Amino acid sequence: MPVQAKICGVSTPEALEAALKGGARFVGFVFYPRSPRYLPPPLAAELARMLPTGVRAVGLFVSPTDAVLDDVAGQVPLDYLQLHDDEPPERLKHIRARFALPVIKAFRLGAAADLERVSAYTAIADMLLFDAKPPADPASLPGGNGVPFDWRLLAGRSWPRPWMLSGGLTPENLAEAVKTTGARIVDVSSGVEDRLGHKDPERIRAFLATAASL
């Protein structure tokens, strides 16, 4: 089965069309106001309603309050909630129960020790996502910085939940990343942009074509 792909930070109909035509299985909408990929809920709702059956809408949040989740989930038809900060397991359990939606938990990796936290979430999260630690810069975002981590950290590992590889992936390095990690689901944002926050349909198509070949 080909590698499945998520195109994250989609904010225009052109990017969405490229993602759908290329065979993306997940489309991510960012609801973190500091991100250049932030999408107001009414606009995200318009795009999410264009998704065909079988393509999942993922909402990305960073330590969201219940009020924020209420606001977004009340407007946007989401299939998954992606939590991209240091939310504790109890918070995930609460969110999953309150909103009755599956949860993707992101982990930011820089060393093997960063994987020690994963086991506390595997009974709660529906999917795991492994991203790179942000650069040591106050302006860095929790994710989407275009920085890969040492993929060898994941080589030979397995978890009782599906997992997704993220962090600095591009059409050019995707094949090596998949070969090294064994990932069967991959996530890209900055690697398919031609400028910060703007998705390039050609790079989306190239990324998805590579994923389909693996």
Protein backbone atom coordinates (compact mmCIF):
# COMPACT_ATOMS: atom_id res chain seq x y z
CA MET A 1 0.00 0.00 0.00
CA PRO A 2 1.44 3.42 -0.91
CA VAL A 3 2.52 5.81 1.80
CA GLN A 4 -0.41 7.96 2.91
CA ALA A 5 0.12 11.71 3.08
CA LYS A 6 -1.21 14.69 4.96
CA ILE A 7 -0.87 18.16 3.51
CA CYS A 8 -0.97 20.52 6.49
CA GLY A 9 -1.57 24.25 6.56
CA VAL A 10 -3.83 24.29 3.52
CA SER A 11 -5.45 27.71 3.19
CA THR A 12 -6.46 28.20 -0.45
CA PRO A 13 -8.71 26.37 -2.92
CA GLU A 14 -5.71 25.94 -5.26
CA ALA A 15 -3.68 24.13 -2.61
CA LEU A 16 -6.66 22.00 -1.68
CA GLU A 17 -7.29 21.04 -5.28
CA ALA A 18 -3.66 19.97 -5.72
CA ALA A 19 -3.83 17.94 -2.51
CA LEU A 20 -7.01 16.17 -3.52
CA LYS A 21 -5.96 15.49 -7.11
CA GLY A 22 -2.61 14.18 -5.86
CA GLY A 23 -4.25 11.69 -3.53
CA ALA A 24 -3.75 13.21 -0.07
CA ARG A 25 -5.55 11.20 2.60
CA PHE A 26 -5.47 13.96 5.22
CA VAL A 27 -5.74 17.76 4.88
CA GLY A 28 -4.69 19.92 7.80
CA PHE A 29 -6.08 23.31 8.81
CA VAL A 30 -4.10 25.38 11.31
CA PHE A 31 -5.97 27.10 14.13
CA TYR A 32 -2.93 28.54 15.91
CA PRO A 33 -3.10 32.34 15.54
CA ARG A 34 0.69 32.85 15.63
CA SER A 35 1.19 30.63 12.60
CA PRO A 36 1.51 32.13 9.11
CA ARG A 37 -0.75 29.24 8.08
CA TYR A 38 -3.54 30.23 10.46
CA LEU A 39 -6.96 29.96 8.89
CA PRO A 40 -10.06 31.61 10.38
CA PRO A 41 -12.73 28.99 11.09
CA PRO A 42 -15.27 30.29 8.52
CA LEU A 43 -12.69 29.95 5.71
CA ALA A 44 -11.56 26.55 6.97
CA ALA A 45 -15.20 25.45 6.98
CA GLU A 46 -15.54 26.34 3.30
CA LEU A 47 -12.50 24.26 2.39
CA ALA A 48 -13.38 21.35 4.68
CA ARG A 49 -16.77 21.01 3.04
CA MET A 50 -15.02 20.42 -0.29
CA LEU A 51 -13.34 17.24 0.95
CA PRO A 52 -14.63 14.04 -0.63
CA THR A 53 -15.45 10.93 1.33
CA GLY A 54 -12.28 9.24 2.52
CA VAL A 55 -10.19 12.40 2.90
CA ARG A 56 -9.90 13.43 6.52
CA ALA A 57 -9.97 17.02 7.79
CA VAL A 58 -7.49 17.62 10.61
CA GLY A 59 -7.58 20.68 12.85
CA LEU A 60 -4.19 21.64 14.31
CA PHE A 61 -4.22 23.31 17.74
CA VAL A 62 -1.58 24.39 20.27
CA SER A 63 -2.74 24.01 23.89
CA PRO A 64 -6.30 25.03 22.99
CA THR A 65 -8.89 25.94 25.59
CA ASP A 66 -12.28 24.28 25.50
CA ALA A 67 -13.70 27.61 24.31
CA VAL A 68 -11.38 27.64 21.29
CA LEU A 69 -12.22 24.05 20.43
CA ASP A 70 -15.93 24.73 20.87
CA ASP A 71 -15.70 27.68 18.50
CA VAL A 72 -13.78 25.83 15.78
CA ALA A 73 -15.59 22.49 16.05
CA GLY A 74 -18.90 24.31 15.94
CA GLN A 75 -18.02 25.76 12.54
CA VAL A 76 -15.63 23.35 10.83
CA PRO A 77 -16.49 19.70 10.06
CA LEU A 78 -13.31 18.10 11.42
CA ASP A 79 -12.41 14.41 11.50
CA TYR A 80 -9.37 14.72 13.80
CA LEU A 81 -8.02 17.12 16.39
CA GLN A 82 -4.22 17.45 16.30
CA LEU A 83 -2.60 18.70 19.51
CA HIS A 84 0.83 20.13 18.90
CA ASP A 85 2.16 21.28 22.27
CA ASP A 86 2.94 19.70 25.65
CA GLU A 87 -0.66 18.86 26.49
CA PRO A 88 -0.67 16.23 29.28
CA PRO A 89 -2.43 12.88 28.82
CA GLU A 90 -5.31 13.96 31.08
CA ARG A 91 -5.99 16.93 28.80
CA LEU A 92 -6.10 14.67 25.75
CA LYS A 93 -8.50 12.34 27.51
CA HIS A 94 -10.79 15.26 28.37
CA ILE A 95 -10.71 16.68 24.82
CA ARG A 96 -11.33 13.32 23.21
CA ALA A 97 -14.35 12.66 25.43
CA ARG A 98 -15.81 16.16 25.23
CA PHE A 99 -15.62 16.49 21.45
CA ALA A 100 -16.06 12.84 20.48
CA LEU A 101 -13.33 13.16 17.86
CA PRO A 102 -10.13 11.13 17.45
CA VAL A 103 -6.97 12.90 18.57
CA ILE A 104 -3.52 13.07 16.99
CA LYS A 105 -0.76 13.83 19.50
CA ALA A 106 2.42 15.45 18.23
CA PHE A 107 5.83 14.83 19.80
CA ARG A 108 8.83 17.04 19.10
CA LEU A 109 12.03 15.04 18.82
CA GLY A 110 15.66 16.03 19.14
CA ALA A 111 17.11 13.02 20.98
CA ALA A 112 16.14 9.48 21.94
CA ALA A 113 15.09 10.69 25.40
CA ASP A 114 12.26 12.67 23.81
CA LEU A 115 10.55 9.39 22.94
CA GLU A 116 10.18 8.44 26.61
CA ARG A 117 6.95 10.49 26.84
CA VAL A 118 5.19 8.56 24.11
CA SER A 119 4.11 5.57 26.20
CA ALA A 120 1.97 7.79 28.45
CA TYR A 121 -0.20 8.71 25.45
CA THR A 122 -0.60 5.47 23.53
CA ALA A 123 -3.71 4.43 25.43
CA ILE A 124 -5.37 7.80 24.76
CA ALA A 125 -4.26 9.23 21.42
CA ASP A 126 -5.67 7.69 18.25
CA MET A 127 -2.57 8.55 16.24
CA LEU A 128 0.95 9.73 17.05
CA LEU A 129 2.91 12.32 15.08
CA PHE A 130 6.67 12.74 15.27
CA ASP A 131 7.99 16.21 14.46
CA ALA A 132 11.29 18.02 14.96
CA LYS A 133 12.02 20.15 17.99
CA PRO A 134 11.76 23.82 17.03
CA PRO A 135 14.99 25.81 16.69
CA ALA A 136 16.12 27.62 19.84
CA ASP A 137 14.60 30.88 18.67
CA PRO A 138 11.70 32.71 20.36
CA ALA A 139 10.18 33.27 16.92
CA SER A 140 10.04 29.56 16.16
CA LEU A 141 6.66 27.87 15.89
CA PRO A 142 5.70 24.64 17.69
CA GLY A 143 5.82 22.98 14.25
CA GLY A 144 6.10 23.83 10.57
CA ASN A 145 9.63 25.20 10.86
CA GLY A 146 10.99 23.17 7.95
CA VAL A 147 13.52 21.41 10.19
CA PRO A 148 14.04 17.64 10.07
CA PHE A 149 15.20 15.57 13.03
CA ASP A 150 17.49 12.55 13.04
CA TRP A 151 15.20 9.99 11.40
CA ARG A 152 17.29 7.18 12.83
CA LEU A 153 15.57 7.85 16.16
CA LEU A 154 12.51 6.07 14.76
CA ALA A 155 14.26 3.27 12.89
CA GLY A 156 13.01 -0.14 14.00
CA ARG A 157 10.54 1.27 16.53
CA SER A 158 6.85 0.49 16.71
CA TRP A 159 3.86 1.66 18.72
CA PRO A 160 0.37 0.29 19.37
CA ARG A 161 -1.12 3.24 17.48
CA PRO A 162 -0.74 4.42 13.89
CA TRP A 163 1.93 7.09 13.57
CA MET A 164 2.85 9.87 11.20
CA LEU A 165 6.26 11.29 10.27
CA SER A 166 6.63 15.05 10.08
CA GLY A 167 9.35 17.68 10.33
CA GLY A 168 11.24 19.13 7.38
CA LEU A 169 9.94 16.69 4.78
CA THR A 170 10.15 17.75 1.14
CA PRO A 171 9.57 16.11 -2.24
CA GLU A 172 13.35 15.72 -2.42
CA ASN A 173 14.00 13.95 0.91
CA LEU A 174 10.75 12.02 1.37
CA ALA A 175 12.01 8.74 -0.04
CA GLU A 176 15.05 8.72 2.24
CA ALA A 177 12.91 9.64 5.27
CA VAL A 178 10.49 6.79 4.63
CA LYS A 179 13.28 4.30 4.01
CA THR A 180 15.03 5.25 7.26
CA THR A 181 11.98 5.38 9.53
CA GLY A 182 9.59 2.88 7.96
CA ALA A 183 6.82 5.49 8.12
CA ARG A 184 3.63 4.67 6.24
CA ILE A 185 1.95 8.03 6.88
CA VAL A 186 3.77 11.32 6.30
CA ASP A 187 2.92 14.95 6.99
CA VAL A 188 4.23 18.02 5.18
CA SER A 189 3.71 21.75 5.50
CA SER A 190 6.64 24.09 4.82
CA GLY A 191 8.24 21.56 2.46
CA VAL A 192 5.57 22.21 -0.17
CA GLU A 193 5.63 26.01 0.09
CA ASP A 194 7.17 28.54 -2.28
CA ARG A 195 7.14 31.19 0.45
CA LEU A 196 6.29 31.18 4.13
CA GLY A 197 2.70 30.10 4.61
CA HIS A 198 1.90 29.79 0.89
CA LYS A 199 1.46 26.32 -0.57
CA ASP A 200 2.85 25.67 -4.05
CA PRO A 201 0.52 23.35 -6.00
CA GLU A 202 3.45 21.99 -8.02
CA ARG A 203 5.38 21.01 -4.90
CA ILE A 204 2.25 19.44 -3.42
CA ARG A 205 1.84 17.35 -6.56
CA ALA A 206 5.53 16.34 -6.49
CA PHE A 207 5.37 15.34 -2.82
CA LEU A 208 2.25 13.26 -3.29
CA ALA A 209 3.61 11.59 -6.42
CA THR A 210 6.67 10.51 -4.48
CA ALA A 211 4.56 9.24 -1.59
CA ALA A 212 2.44 7.21 -4.00
CA SER A 213 5.55 5.56 -5.39
CA LEU A 214 6.86 4.34 -2.01
